[in-house]
Amino acid sequence: MLGSTTVADLLRTDVVTVPPDASAVDLARTMRDEAVGCVVVTEDDRPVGLITDRGLTVRLVADDHPAASTTARDVMSERVVTVGLDTCLFELTETMEDHVVRPPRRRGGSPPY
């Protein structure tokens, strides 16, 4: 039942994180090796940014940054919006709409709903 579906039911719990000083090369390799399209940038165990594979590509290529010397801090989205694992699907979609967030993706590329 969708009304009782929560974030914990939809998304992976082993979130892939990187430090702010990770190079763009390391970011791309981490995404490839972990088979994810998004990593959370953390500092002192707190989320400080988010990087998607699309965001990395667009920011790196469009701004002609050298991958080896560009860091996560240079290309991350700093506005991090979080919800709890017990957040229901309806509340999640409302939060995403309020903050203009693209839908999360599962490993196969399809939306989780």
PDB file of N, CA and C in Angstrom:
ATOM      1  N   MET A   1       0.823  -1.173   0.000  1.00  0.00           N
ATOM      2  CA  MET A   1       0.000   0.000   0.000  1.00  0.00           C
ATOM      3  C   MET A   1       0.880   1.253   0.000  1.00  0.00           C
ATOM      4  N   LEU A   2       0.638   2.143  -0.925  1.00  0.00           N
ATOM      5  CA  LEU A   2       1.472   3.337  -1.020  1.00  0.00           C
ATOM      6  C   LEU A   2       1.345   4.250   0.187  1.00  0.00           C
ATOM      7  N   GLY A   3       0.186   4.282   0.818  1.00  0.00           N
ATOM      8  CA  GLY A   3      -0.005   5.157   1.962  1.00  0.00           C
ATOM      9  C   GLY A   3       0.882   4.826   3.141  1.00  0.00           C
ATOM     10  N   SER A   4       1.303   3.577   3.240  1.00  0.00           N
ATOM     11  CA  SER A   4       2.149   3.185   4.358  1.00  0.00           C
ATOM     12  C   SER A   4       3.612   2.974   3.947  1.00  0.00           C
ATOM     13  N   THR A   5       3.917   3.192   2.689  1.00  0.00           N
ATOM     14  CA  THR A   5       5.297   3.048   2.208  1.00  0.00           C
ATOM     15  C   THR A   5       6.146   4.188   2.754  1.00  0.00           C
ATOM     16  N   THR A   6       7.326   3.844   3.247  1.00  0.00           N
ATOM     17  CA  THR A   6       8.214   4.854   3.815  1.00  0.00           C
ATOM     18  C   THR A   6       9.519   4.931   3.028  1.00  0.00           C
ATOM     19  N   VAL A   7      10.309   5.928   3.341  1.00  0.00           N
ATOM     20  CA  VAL A   7      11.621   6.090   2.720  1.00  0.00           C
ATOM     21  C   VAL A   7      12.458   4.831   2.948  1.00  0.00           C
ATOM     22  N   ALA A   8      12.371   4.253   4.120  1.00  0.00           N
ATOM     23  CA  ALA A   8      13.137   3.037   4.426  1.00  0.00           C
ATOM     24  C   ALA A   8      12.778   1.897   3.480  1.00  0.00           C
ATOM     25  N   ASP A   9      11.540   1.861   2.989  1.00  0.00           N
ATOM     26  CA  ASP A   9      11.099   0.815   2.065  1.00  0.00           C
ATOM     27  C   ASP A   9      11.630   1.038   0.652  1.00  0.00           C
ATOM     28  N   LEU A  10      11.992   2.270   0.330  1.00  0.00           N
ATOM     29  CA  LEU A  10      12.321   2.626  -1.046  1.00  0.00           C
ATOM     30  C   LEU A  10      13.799   2.713  -1.386  1.00  0.00           C
ATOM     31  N   LEU A  11      14.574   3.249  -0.495  1.00  0.00           N
ATOM     32  CA  LEU A  11      15.948   3.605  -0.844  1.00  0.00           C
ATOM     33  C   LEU A  11      16.967   2.727  -0.150  1.00  0.00           C
ATOM     34  N   ARG A  12      18.145   2.690  -0.718  1.00  0.00           N
ATOM     35  CA  ARG A  12      19.221   1.921  -0.119  1.00  0.00           C
ATOM     36  C   ARG A  12      19.688   2.589   1.170  1.00  0.00           C
ATOM     37  N   THR A  13      20.108   1.800   2.111  1.00  0.00           N
ATOM     38  CA  THR A  13      20.536   2.353   3.398  1.00  0.00           C
ATOM     39  C   THR A  13      22.038   2.566   3.462  1.00  0.00           C
ATOM     40  N   ASP A  14      22.767   1.940   2.556  1.00  0.00           N
ATOM     41  CA  ASP A  14      24.218   2.092   2.556  1.00  0.00           C
ATOM     42  C   ASP A  14      24.608   3.289   1.678  1.00  0.00           C
ATOM     43  N   VAL A  15      24.370   4.464   2.188  1.00  0.00           N
ATOM     44  CA  VAL A  15      24.629   5.702   1.456  1.00  0.00           C
ATOM     45  C   VAL A  15      26.129   5.850   1.213  1.00  0.00           C
ATOM     46  N   VAL A  16      26.481   6.204  -0.008  1.00  0.00           N
ATOM     47  CA  VAL A  16      27.883   6.373  -0.373  1.00  0.00           C
ATOM     48  C   VAL A  16      28.269   7.820  -0.091  1.00  0.00           C
ATOM     49  N   THR A  17      29.329   7.999   0.694  1.00  0.00           N
ATOM     50  CA  THR A  17      29.765   9.341   1.070  1.00  0.00           C
ATOM     51  C   THR A  17      31.199   9.590   0.610  1.00  0.00           C
ATOM     52  N   VAL A  18      31.515  10.870   0.460  1.00  0.00           N
ATOM     53  CA  VAL A  18      32.868  11.295   0.089  1.00  0.00           C
ATOM     54  C   VAL A  18      33.208  12.547   0.895  1.00  0.00           C
ATOM     55  N   PRO A  19      34.493  12.810   1.109  1.00  0.00           N
ATOM     56  CA  PRO A  19      34.885  14.044   1.789  1.00  0.00           C
ATOM     57  C   PRO A  19      34.882  15.216   0.803  1.00  0.00           C
ATOM     58  N   PRO A  20      34.803  16.443   1.307  1.00  0.00           N
ATOM     59  CA  PRO A  20      34.772  17.624   0.430  1.00  0.00           C
ATOM     60  C   PRO A  20      36.012  17.786  -0.442  1.00  0.00           C
ATOM     61  N   ASP A  21      37.136  17.210  -0.032  1.00  0.00           N
ATOM     62  CA  ASP A  21      38.366  17.376  -0.804  1.00  0.00           C
ATOM     63  C   ASP A  21      38.611  16.240  -1.801  1.00  0.00           C
ATOM     64  N   ALA A  22      37.651  15.336  -1.969  1.00  0.00           N
ATOM     65  CA  ALA A  22      37.802  14.266  -2.964  1.00  0.00           C
ATOM     66  C   ALA A  22      37.849  14.878  -4.352  1.00  0.00           C
ATOM     67  N   SER A  23      38.743  14.373  -5.200  1.00  0.00           N
ATOM     68  CA  SER A  23      38.857  14.908  -6.556  1.00  0.00           C
ATOM     69  C   SER A  23      37.695  14.429  -7.422  1.00  0.00           C
ATOM     70  N   ALA A  24      37.445  15.137  -8.501  1.00  0.00           N
ATOM     71  CA  ALA A  24      36.392  14.742  -9.434  1.00  0.00           C
ATOM     72  C   ALA A  24      36.671  13.354  -9.999  1.00  0.00           C
ATOM     73  N   VAL A  25      37.924  13.041 -10.202  1.00  0.00           N
ATOM     74  CA  VAL A  25      38.300  11.703 -10.675  1.00  0.00           C
ATOM     75  C   VAL A  25      37.873  10.663  -9.640  1.00  0.00           C
ATOM     76  N   ASP A  26      38.161  10.908  -8.366  1.00  0.00           N
ATOM     77  CA  ASP A  26      37.754   9.988  -7.298  1.00  0.00           C
ATOM     78  C   ASP A  26      36.233   9.881  -7.207  1.00  0.00           C
ATOM     79  N   LEU A  27      35.535  10.998  -7.410  1.00  0.00           N
ATOM     80  CA  LEU A  27      34.071  10.983  -7.375  1.00  0.00           C
ATOM     81  C   LEU A  27      33.522  10.064  -8.459  1.00  0.00           C
ATOM     82  N   ALA A  28      34.011  10.232  -9.671  1.00  0.00           N
ATOM     83  CA  ALA A  28      33.539   9.415 -10.789  1.00  0.00           C
ATOM     84  C   ALA A  28      33.849   7.936 -10.556  1.00  0.00           C
ATOM     85  N   ARG A  29      35.027   7.643 -10.061  1.00  0.00           N
ATOM     86  CA  ARG A  29      35.401   6.248  -9.796  1.00  0.00           C
ATOM     87  C   ARG A  29      34.536   5.646  -8.691  1.00  0.00           C
ATOM     88  N   THR A  30      34.275   6.442  -7.657  1.00  0.00           N
ATOM     89  CA  THR A  30      33.429   5.965  -6.561  1.00  0.00           C
ATOM     90  C   THR A  30      32.029   5.660  -7.073  1.00  0.00           C
ATOM     91  N   MET A  31      31.463   6.559  -7.878  1.00  0.00           N
ATOM     92  CA  MET A  31      30.130   6.320  -8.433  1.00  0.00           C
ATOM     93  C   MET A  31      30.115   5.068  -9.306  1.00  0.00           C
ATOM     94  N   ARG A  32      31.137   4.900 -10.116  1.00  0.00           N
ATOM     95  CA  ARG A  32      31.227   3.708 -10.973  1.00  0.00           C
ATOM     96  C   ARG A  32      31.359   2.445 -10.131  1.00  0.00           C
ATOM     97  N   ASP A  33      32.295   2.448  -9.194  1.00  0.00           N
ATOM     98  CA  ASP A  33      32.580   1.255  -8.396  1.00  0.00           C
ATOM     99  C   ASP A  33      31.416   0.859  -7.491  1.00  0.00           C
ATOM    100  N   GLU A  34      30.696   1.857  -6.989  1.00  0.00           N
ATOM    101  CA  GLU A  34      29.563   1.596  -6.090  1.00  0.00           C
ATOM    102  C   GLU A  34      28.237   1.471  -6.843  1.00  0.00           C
ATOM    103  N   ALA A  35      28.271   1.662  -8.162  1.00  0.00           N
ATOM    104  CA  ALA A  35      27.071   1.578  -9.010  1.00  0.00           C
ATOM    105  C   ALA A  35      25.973   2.519  -8.522  1.00  0.00           C
ATOM    106  N   VAL A  36      26.362   3.775  -8.252  1.00  0.00           N
ATOM    107  CA  VAL A  36      25.406   4.792  -7.811  1.00  0.00           C
ATOM    108  C   VAL A  36      25.510   6.017  -8.709  1.00  0.00           C
ATOM    109  N   GLY A  37      24.468   6.807  -8.739  1.00  0.00           N
ATOM    110  CA  GLY A  37      24.470   8.028  -9.522  1.00  0.00           C
ATOM    111  C   GLY A  37      24.530   9.269  -8.659  1.00  0.00           C
ATOM    112  N   CYS A  38      24.760   9.059  -7.358  1.00  0.00           N
ATOM    113  CA  CYS A  38      24.754  10.183  -6.429  1.00  0.00           C
ATOM    114  C   CYS A  38      25.589   9.825  -5.206  1.00  0.00           C
ATOM    115  N   VAL A  39      26.355  10.789  -4.710  1.00  0.00           N
ATOM    116  CA  VAL A  39      27.100  10.611  -3.466  1.00  0.00           C
ATOM    117  C   VAL A  39      26.829  11.797  -2.554  1.00  0.00           C
ATOM    118  N   VAL A  40      26.887  11.548  -1.266  1.00  0.00           N
ATOM    119  CA  VAL A  40      26.696  12.604  -0.276  1.00  0.00           C
ATOM    120  C   VAL A  40      28.071  13.057   0.198  1.00  0.00           C
ATOM    121  N   VAL A  41      28.284  14.360   0.185  1.00  0.00           N
ATOM    122  CA  VAL A  41      29.534  14.929   0.684  1.00  0.00           C
ATOM    123  C   VAL A  41      29.344  15.169   2.172  1.00  0.00           C
ATOM    124  N   THR A  42      30.243  14.590   2.980  1.00  0.00           N
ATOM    125  CA  THR A  42      30.111  14.733   4.429  1.00  0.00           C
ATOM    126  C   THR A  42      31.368  15.347   5.033  1.00  0.00           C
ATOM    127  N   GLU A  43      31.136  16.070   6.108  1.00  0.00           N
ATOM    128  CA  GLU A  43      32.219  16.669   6.885  1.00  0.00           C
ATOM    129  C   GLU A  43      31.831  16.506   8.342  1.00  0.00           C
ATOM    130  N   ASP A  44      32.697  15.908   9.142  1.00  0.00           N
ATOM    131  CA  ASP A  44      32.398  15.606  10.544  1.00  0.00           C
ATOM    132  C   ASP A  44      31.105  14.792  10.671  1.00  0.00           C
ATOM    133  N   ASP A  45      30.939  13.819   9.776  1.00  0.00           N
ATOM    134  CA  ASP A  45      29.772  12.922   9.758  1.00  0.00           C
ATOM    135  C   ASP A  45      28.442  13.628   9.519  1.00  0.00           C
ATOM    136  N   ARG A  46      28.482  14.826   8.959  1.00  0.00           N
ATOM    137  CA  ARG A  46      27.250  15.574   8.638  1.00  0.00           C
ATOM    138  C   ARG A  46      27.216  15.836   7.136  1.00  0.00           C
ATOM    139  N   PRO A  47      26.030  15.691   6.504  1.00  0.00           N
ATOM    140  CA  PRO A  47      25.941  15.994   5.076  1.00  0.00           C
ATOM    141  C   PRO A  47      26.100  17.490   4.822  1.00  0.00           C
ATOM    142  N   VAL A  48      27.014  17.833   3.921  1.00  0.00           N
ATOM    143  CA  VAL A  48      27.233  19.244   3.572  1.00  0.00           C
ATOM    144  C   VAL A  48      26.991  19.509   2.091  1.00  0.00           C
ATOM    145  N   GLY A  49      26.783  18.442   1.334  1.00  0.00           N
ATOM    146  CA  GLY A  49      26.553  18.606  -0.093  1.00  0.00           C
ATOM    147  C   GLY A  49      26.145  17.305  -0.743  1.00  0.00           C
ATOM    148  N   LEU A  50      25.763  17.415  -2.005  1.00  0.00           N
ATOM    149  CA  LEU A  50      25.308  16.273  -2.768  1.00  0.00           C
ATOM    150  C   LEU A  50      25.854  16.410  -4.180  1.00  0.00           C
ATOM    151  N   ILE A  51      26.293  15.305  -4.757  1.00  0.00           N
ATOM    152  CA  ILE A  51      26.789  15.320  -6.125  1.00  0.00           C
ATOM    153  C   ILE A  51      26.140  14.182  -6.889  1.00  0.00           C
ATOM    154  N   THR A  52      25.498  14.521  -7.997  1.00  0.00           N
ATOM    155  CA  THR A  52      24.951  13.501  -8.883  1.00  0.00           C
ATOM    156  C   THR A  52      25.907  13.314 -10.056  1.00  0.00           C
ATOM    157  N   ASP A  53      25.774  12.188 -10.724  1.00  0.00           N
ATOM    158  CA  ASP A  53      26.620  11.970 -11.896  1.00  0.00           C
ATOM    159  C   ASP A  53      26.349  13.037 -12.955  1.00  0.00           C
ATOM    160  N   ARG A  54      25.100  13.422 -13.108  1.00  0.00           N
ATOM    161  CA  ARG A  54      24.753  14.481 -14.052  1.00  0.00           C
ATOM    162  C   ARG A  54      25.367  15.811 -13.628  1.00  0.00           C
ATOM    163  N   GLY A  55      25.234  16.153 -12.352  1.00  0.00           N
ATOM    164  CA  GLY A  55      25.798  17.402 -11.849  1.00  0.00           C
ATOM    165  C   GLY A  55      27.304  17.461 -12.012  1.00  0.00           C
ATOM    166  N   LEU A  56      27.953  16.333 -11.742  1.00  0.00           N
ATOM    167  CA  LEU A  56      29.406  16.267 -11.898  1.00  0.00           C
ATOM    168  C   LEU A  56      29.794  16.511 -13.354  1.00  0.00           C
ATOM    169  N   THR A  57      29.121  15.837 -14.251  1.00  0.00           N
ATOM    170  CA  THR A  57      29.427  15.980 -15.677  1.00  0.00           C
ATOM    171  C   THR A  57      29.177  17.403 -16.163  1.00  0.00           C
ATOM    172  N   VAL A  58      28.010  17.938 -15.855  1.00  0.00           N
ATOM    173  CA  VAL A  58      27.657  19.270 -16.338  1.00  0.00           C
ATOM    174  C   VAL A  58      28.592  20.323 -15.763  1.00  0.00           C
ATOM    175  N   ARG A  59      28.835  20.281 -14.467  1.00  0.00           N
ATOM    176  CA  ARG A  59      29.689  21.308 -13.854  1.00  0.00           C
ATOM    177  C   ARG A  59      31.145  21.181 -14.298  1.00  0.00           C
ATOM    178  N   LEU A  60      31.606  19.963 -14.446  1.00  0.00           N
ATOM    179  CA  LEU A  60      32.997  19.748 -14.833  1.00  0.00           C
ATOM    180  C   LEU A  60      33.235  20.131 -16.294  1.00  0.00           C
ATOM    181  N   VAL A  61      32.418  19.596 -17.172  1.00  0.00           N
ATOM    182  CA  VAL A  61      32.620  19.810 -18.603  1.00  0.00           C
ATOM    183  C   VAL A  61      32.198  21.216 -19.026  1.00  0.00           C
ATOM    184  N   ALA A  62      31.035  21.650 -18.592  1.00  0.00           N
ATOM    185  CA  ALA A  62      30.519  22.954 -19.018  1.00  0.00           C
ATOM    186  C   ALA A  62      31.405  24.104 -18.561  1.00  0.00           C
ATOM    187  N   ASP A  63      32.013  23.958 -17.396  1.00  0.00           N
ATOM    188  CA  ASP A  63      32.877  25.019 -16.881  1.00  0.00           C
ATOM    189  C   ASP A  63      34.350  24.756 -17.172  1.00  0.00           C
ATOM    190  N   ASP A  64      34.633  23.697 -17.930  1.00  0.00           N
ATOM    191  CA  ASP A  64      35.985  23.354 -18.369  1.00  0.00           C
ATOM    192  C   ASP A  64      36.968  23.233 -17.194  1.00  0.00           C
ATOM    193  N   HIS A  65      36.525  22.517 -16.144  1.00  0.00           N
ATOM    194  CA  HIS A  65      37.395  22.288 -14.988  1.00  0.00           C
ATOM    195  C   HIS A  65      38.268  21.063 -15.216  1.00  0.00           C
ATOM    196  N   PRO A  66      39.526  21.093 -14.799  1.00  0.00           N
ATOM    197  CA  PRO A  66      40.368  19.888 -14.877  1.00  0.00           C
ATOM    198  C   PRO A  66      39.933  18.895 -13.790  1.00  0.00           C
ATOM    199  N   ALA A  67      39.645  17.673 -14.181  1.00  0.00           N
ATOM    200  CA  ALA A  67      39.096  16.673 -13.260  1.00  0.00           C
ATOM    201  C   ALA A  67      40.018  16.355 -12.088  1.00  0.00           C
ATOM    202  N   ALA A  68      41.310  16.323 -12.314  1.00  0.00           N
ATOM    203  CA  ALA A  68      42.245  15.929 -11.254  1.00  0.00           C
ATOM    204  C   ALA A  68      42.337  16.957 -10.138  1.00  0.00           C
ATOM    205  N   SER A  69      42.130  18.238 -10.472  1.00  0.00           N
ATOM    206  CA  SER A  69      42.282  19.272  -9.442  1.00  0.00           C
ATOM    207  C   SER A  69      40.951  19.870  -8.982  1.00  0.00           C
ATOM    208  N   THR A  70      39.850  19.407  -9.516  1.00  0.00           N
ATOM    209  CA  THR A  70      38.527  19.865  -9.092  1.00  0.00           C
ATOM    210  C   THR A  70      38.064  18.971  -7.951  1.00  0.00           C
ATOM    211  N   THR A  71      37.551  19.568  -6.888  1.00  0.00           N
ATOM    212  CA  THR A  71      37.142  18.791  -5.712  1.00  0.00           C
ATOM    213  C   THR A  71      35.624  18.697  -5.593  1.00  0.00           C
ATOM    214  N   ALA A  72      35.196  17.818  -4.714  1.00  0.00           N
ATOM    215  CA  ALA A  72      33.771  17.671  -4.423  1.00  0.00           C
ATOM    216  C   ALA A  72      33.168  19.008  -4.010  1.00  0.00           C
ATOM    217  N   ARG A  73      33.887  19.757  -3.192  1.00  0.00           N
ATOM    218  CA  ARG A  73      33.384  21.064  -2.749  1.00  0.00           C
ATOM    219  C   ARG A  73      33.136  22.001  -3.929  1.00  0.00           C
ATOM    220  N   ASP A  74      33.944  21.885  -4.992  1.00  0.00           N
ATOM    221  CA  ASP A  74      33.800  22.740  -6.175  1.00  0.00           C
ATOM    222  C   ASP A  74      32.535  22.437  -6.977  1.00  0.00           C
ATOM    223  N   VAL A  75      32.072  21.197  -6.947  1.00  0.00           N
ATOM    224  CA  VAL A  75      30.974  20.797  -7.827  1.00  0.00           C
ATOM    225  C   VAL A  75      29.709  20.348  -7.094  1.00  0.00           C
ATOM    226  N   MET A  76      29.724  20.312  -5.770  1.00  0.00           N
ATOM    227  CA  MET A  76      28.568  19.813  -5.026  1.00  0.00           C
ATOM    228  C   MET A  76      27.443  20.841  -4.969  1.00  0.00           C
ATOM    229  N   SER A  77      26.238  20.329  -4.842  1.00  0.00           N
ATOM    230  CA  SER A  77      25.083  21.159  -4.526  1.00  0.00           C
ATOM    231  C   SER A  77      25.079  21.284  -3.015  1.00  0.00           C
ATOM    232  N   GLU A  78      25.088  22.500  -2.528  1.00  0.00           N
ATOM    233  CA  GLU A  78      25.214  22.700  -1.079  1.00  0.00           C
ATOM    234  C   GLU A  78      23.892  22.646  -0.330  1.00  0.00           C
ATOM    235  N   ARG A  79      22.814  22.801  -1.018  1.00  0.00           N
ATOM    236  CA  ARG A  79      21.511  22.779  -0.357  1.00  0.00           C
ATOM    237  C   ARG A  79      21.056  21.338  -0.193  1.00  0.00           C
ATOM    238  N   VAL A  80      21.251  20.791   0.985  1.00  0.00           N
ATOM    239  CA  VAL A  80      20.886  19.409   1.269  1.00  0.00           C
ATOM    240  C   VAL A  80      19.562  19.385   2.016  1.00  0.00           C
ATOM    241  N   VAL A  81      18.602  18.673   1.480  1.00  0.00           N
ATOM    242  CA  VAL A  81      17.301  18.508   2.117  1.00  0.00           C
ATOM    243  C   VAL A  81      17.190  17.048   2.526  1.00  0.00           C
ATOM    244  N   THR A  82      16.899  16.807   3.790  1.00  0.00           N
ATOM    245  CA  THR A  82      16.807  15.428   4.270  1.00  0.00           C
ATOM    246  C   THR A  82      15.436  15.151   4.865  1.00  0.00           C
ATOM    247  N   VAL A  83      15.085  13.879   4.893  1.00  0.00           N
ATOM    248  CA  VAL A  83      13.877  13.407   5.566  1.00  0.00           C
ATOM    249  C   VAL A  83      14.256  12.161   6.346  1.00  0.00           C
ATOM    250  N   GLY A  84      13.468  11.802   7.311  1.00  0.00           N
ATOM    251  CA  GLY A  84      13.728  10.605   8.107  1.00  0.00           C
ATOM    252  C   GLY A  84      13.336   9.337   7.376  1.00  0.00           C
ATOM    253  N   LEU A  85      13.897   8.223   7.783  1.00  0.00           N
ATOM    254  CA  LEU A  85      13.575   6.943   7.157  1.00  0.00           C
ATOM    255  C   LEU A  85      12.109   6.559   7.325  1.00  0.00           C
ATOM    256  N   ASP A  86      11.459   7.101   8.355  1.00  0.00           N
ATOM    257  CA  ASP A  86      10.054   6.778   8.579  1.00  0.00           C
ATOM    258  C   ASP A  86       9.098   7.722   7.854  1.00  0.00           C
ATOM    259  N   THR A  87       9.630   8.626   7.025  1.00  0.00           N
ATOM    260  CA  THR A  87       8.798   9.552   6.259  1.00  0.00           C
ATOM    261  C   THR A  87       8.005   8.762   5.220  1.00  0.00           C
ATOM    262  N   CYS A  88       6.697   9.029   5.152  1.00  0.00           N
ATOM    263  CA  CYS A  88       5.870   8.310   4.190  1.00  0.00           C
ATOM    264  C   CYS A  88       6.071   8.864   2.779  1.00  0.00           C
ATOM    265  N   LEU A  89       5.682   8.076   1.781  1.00  0.00           N
ATOM    266  CA  LEU A  89       5.878   8.434   0.381  1.00  0.00           C
ATOM    267  C   LEU A  89       5.218   9.766   0.036  1.00  0.00           C
ATOM    268  N   PHE A  90       4.032   9.998   0.530  1.00  0.00           N
ATOM    269  CA  PHE A  90       3.339  11.248   0.213  1.00  0.00           C
ATOM    270  C   PHE A  90       4.087  12.459   0.769  1.00  0.00           C
ATOM    271  N   GLU A  91       4.558  12.366   1.997  1.00  0.00           N
ATOM    272  CA  GLU A  91       5.319  13.461   2.597  1.00  0.00           C
ATOM    273  C   GLU A  91       6.643  13.671   1.848  1.00  0.00           C
ATOM    274  N   LEU A  92       7.264  12.570   1.437  1.00  0.00           N
ATOM    275  CA  LEU A  92       8.497  12.655   0.660  1.00  0.00           C
ATOM    276  C   LEU A  92       8.274  13.421  -0.642  1.00  0.00           C
ATOM    277  N   THR A  93       7.224  13.070  -1.374  1.00  0.00           N
ATOM    278  CA  THR A  93       6.979  13.758  -2.652  1.00  0.00           C
ATOM    279  C   THR A  93       6.623  15.226  -2.443  1.00  0.00           C
ATOM    280  N   GLU A  94       5.910  15.534  -1.380  1.00  0.00           N
ATOM    281  CA  GLU A  94       5.615  16.940  -1.074  1.00  0.00           C
ATOM    282  C   GLU A  94       6.898  17.715  -0.767  1.00  0.00           C
ATOM    283  N   THR A  95       7.778  17.110   0.012  1.00  0.00           N
ATOM    284  CA  THR A  95       9.060  17.747   0.345  1.00  0.00           C
ATOM    285  C   THR A  95       9.886  17.960  -0.917  1.00  0.00           C
ATOM    286  N   MET A  96       9.902  16.960  -1.791  1.00  0.00           N
ATOM    287  CA  MET A  96      10.648  17.084  -3.039  1.00  0.00           C
ATOM    288  C   MET A  96      10.080  18.203  -3.915  1.00  0.00           C
ATOM    289  N   GLU A  97       8.768  18.298  -3.997  1.00  0.00           N
ATOM    290  CA  GLU A  97       8.138  19.370  -4.770  1.00  0.00           C
ATOM    291  C   GLU A  97       8.444  20.732  -4.164  1.00  0.00           C
ATOM    292  N   ASP A  98       8.371  20.836  -2.844  1.00  0.00           N
ATOM    293  CA  ASP A  98       8.631  22.106  -2.158  1.00  0.00           C
ATOM    294  C   ASP A  98      10.053  22.604  -2.402  1.00  0.00           C
ATOM    295  N   HIS A  99      10.994  21.668  -2.535  1.00  0.00           N
ATOM    296  CA  HIS A  99      12.402  22.044  -2.673  1.00  0.00           C
ATOM    297  C   HIS A  99      12.945  21.812  -4.088  1.00  0.00           C
ATOM    298  N   VAL A 100      12.044  21.524  -5.023  1.00  0.00           N
ATOM    299  CA  VAL A 100      12.394  21.287  -6.429  1.00  0.00           C
ATOM    300  C   VAL A 100      13.537  20.267  -6.542  1.00  0.00           C
ATOM    301  N   VAL A 101      13.282  19.080  -6.018  1.00  0.00           N
ATOM    302  CA  VAL A 101      14.252  17.990  -6.035  1.00  0.00           C
ATOM    303  C   VAL A 101      13.796  16.962  -7.066  1.00  0.00           C
ATOM    304  N   ARG A 102      14.735  16.483  -7.876  1.00  0.00           N
ATOM    305  CA  ARG A 102      14.411  15.441  -8.846  1.00  0.00           C
ATOM    306  C   ARG A 102      14.115  14.145  -8.099  1.00  0.00           C
ATOM    307  N   PRO A 103      13.298  13.271  -8.691  1.00  0.00           N
ATOM    308  CA  PRO A 103      12.984  12.005  -8.018  1.00  0.00           C
ATOM    309  C   PRO A 103      14.223  11.146  -7.807  1.00  0.00           C
ATOM    310  N   PRO A 104      14.301  10.442  -6.667  1.00  0.00           N
ATOM    311  CA  PRO A 104      15.414   9.515  -6.452  1.00  0.00           C
ATOM    312  C   PRO A 104      15.286   8.352  -7.430  1.00  0.00           C
ATOM    313  N   ARG A 105      16.391   7.702  -7.695  1.00  0.00           N
ATOM    314  CA  ARG A 105      16.396   6.575  -8.631  1.00  0.00           C
ATOM    315  C   ARG A 105      16.904   5.315  -7.941  1.00  0.00           C
ATOM    316  N   ARG A 106      16.361   4.196  -8.342  1.00  0.00           N
ATOM    317  CA  ARG A 106      16.877   2.914  -7.871  1.00  0.00           C
ATOM    318  C   ARG A 106      17.963   2.467  -8.823  1.00  0.00           C
ATOM    319  N   ARG A 107      18.661   1.418  -8.474  1.00  0.00           N
ATOM    320  CA  ARG A 107      19.713   0.881  -9.347  1.00  0.00           C
ATOM    321  C   ARG A 107      19.122   0.496 -10.654  1.00  0.00           C
ATOM    322  N   GLY A 108      18.703   0.538 -11.494  1.00  0.00           N
ATOM    323  CA  GLY A 108      18.138   0.256 -12.780  1.00  0.00           C
ATOM    324  C   GLY A 108      17.667   1.517 -13.446  1.00  0.00           C
ATOM    325  N   GLY A 109      17.665   2.607 -12.746  1.00  0.00           N
ATOM    326  CA  GLY A 109      17.338   3.880 -13.359  1.00  0.00           C
ATOM    327  C   GLY A 109      15.879   4.304 -13.253  1.00  0.00           C
ATOM    328  N   SER A 110      14.993   3.424 -12.784  1.00  0.00           N
ATOM    329  CA  SER A 110      13.589   3.816 -12.719  1.00  0.00           C
ATOM    330  C   SER A 110      13.251   4.452 -11.370  1.00  0.00           C
ATOM    331  N   PRO A 111      12.273   5.378 -11.379  1.00  0.00           N
ATOM    332  CA  PRO A 111      11.852   5.954 -10.101  1.00  0.00           C
ATOM    333  C   PRO A 111      11.336   4.865  -9.171  1.00  0.00           C
ATOM    334  N   PRO A 112      11.404   5.054  -7.867  1.00  0.00           N
ATOM    335  CA  PRO A 112      10.989   4.009  -6.939  1.00  0.00           C
ATOM    336  C   PRO A 112       9.489   3.890  -6.786  1.00  0.00           C
ATOM    337  N   TYR A 113       8.716   4.702  -7.493  1.00  0.00           N
ATOM    338  CA  TYR A 113       7.252   4.606  -7.382  1.00  0.00           C
ATOM    339  C   TYR A 113       6.618   4.639  -8.735  1.00  0.00           C
TER     340      TYR A 113
END
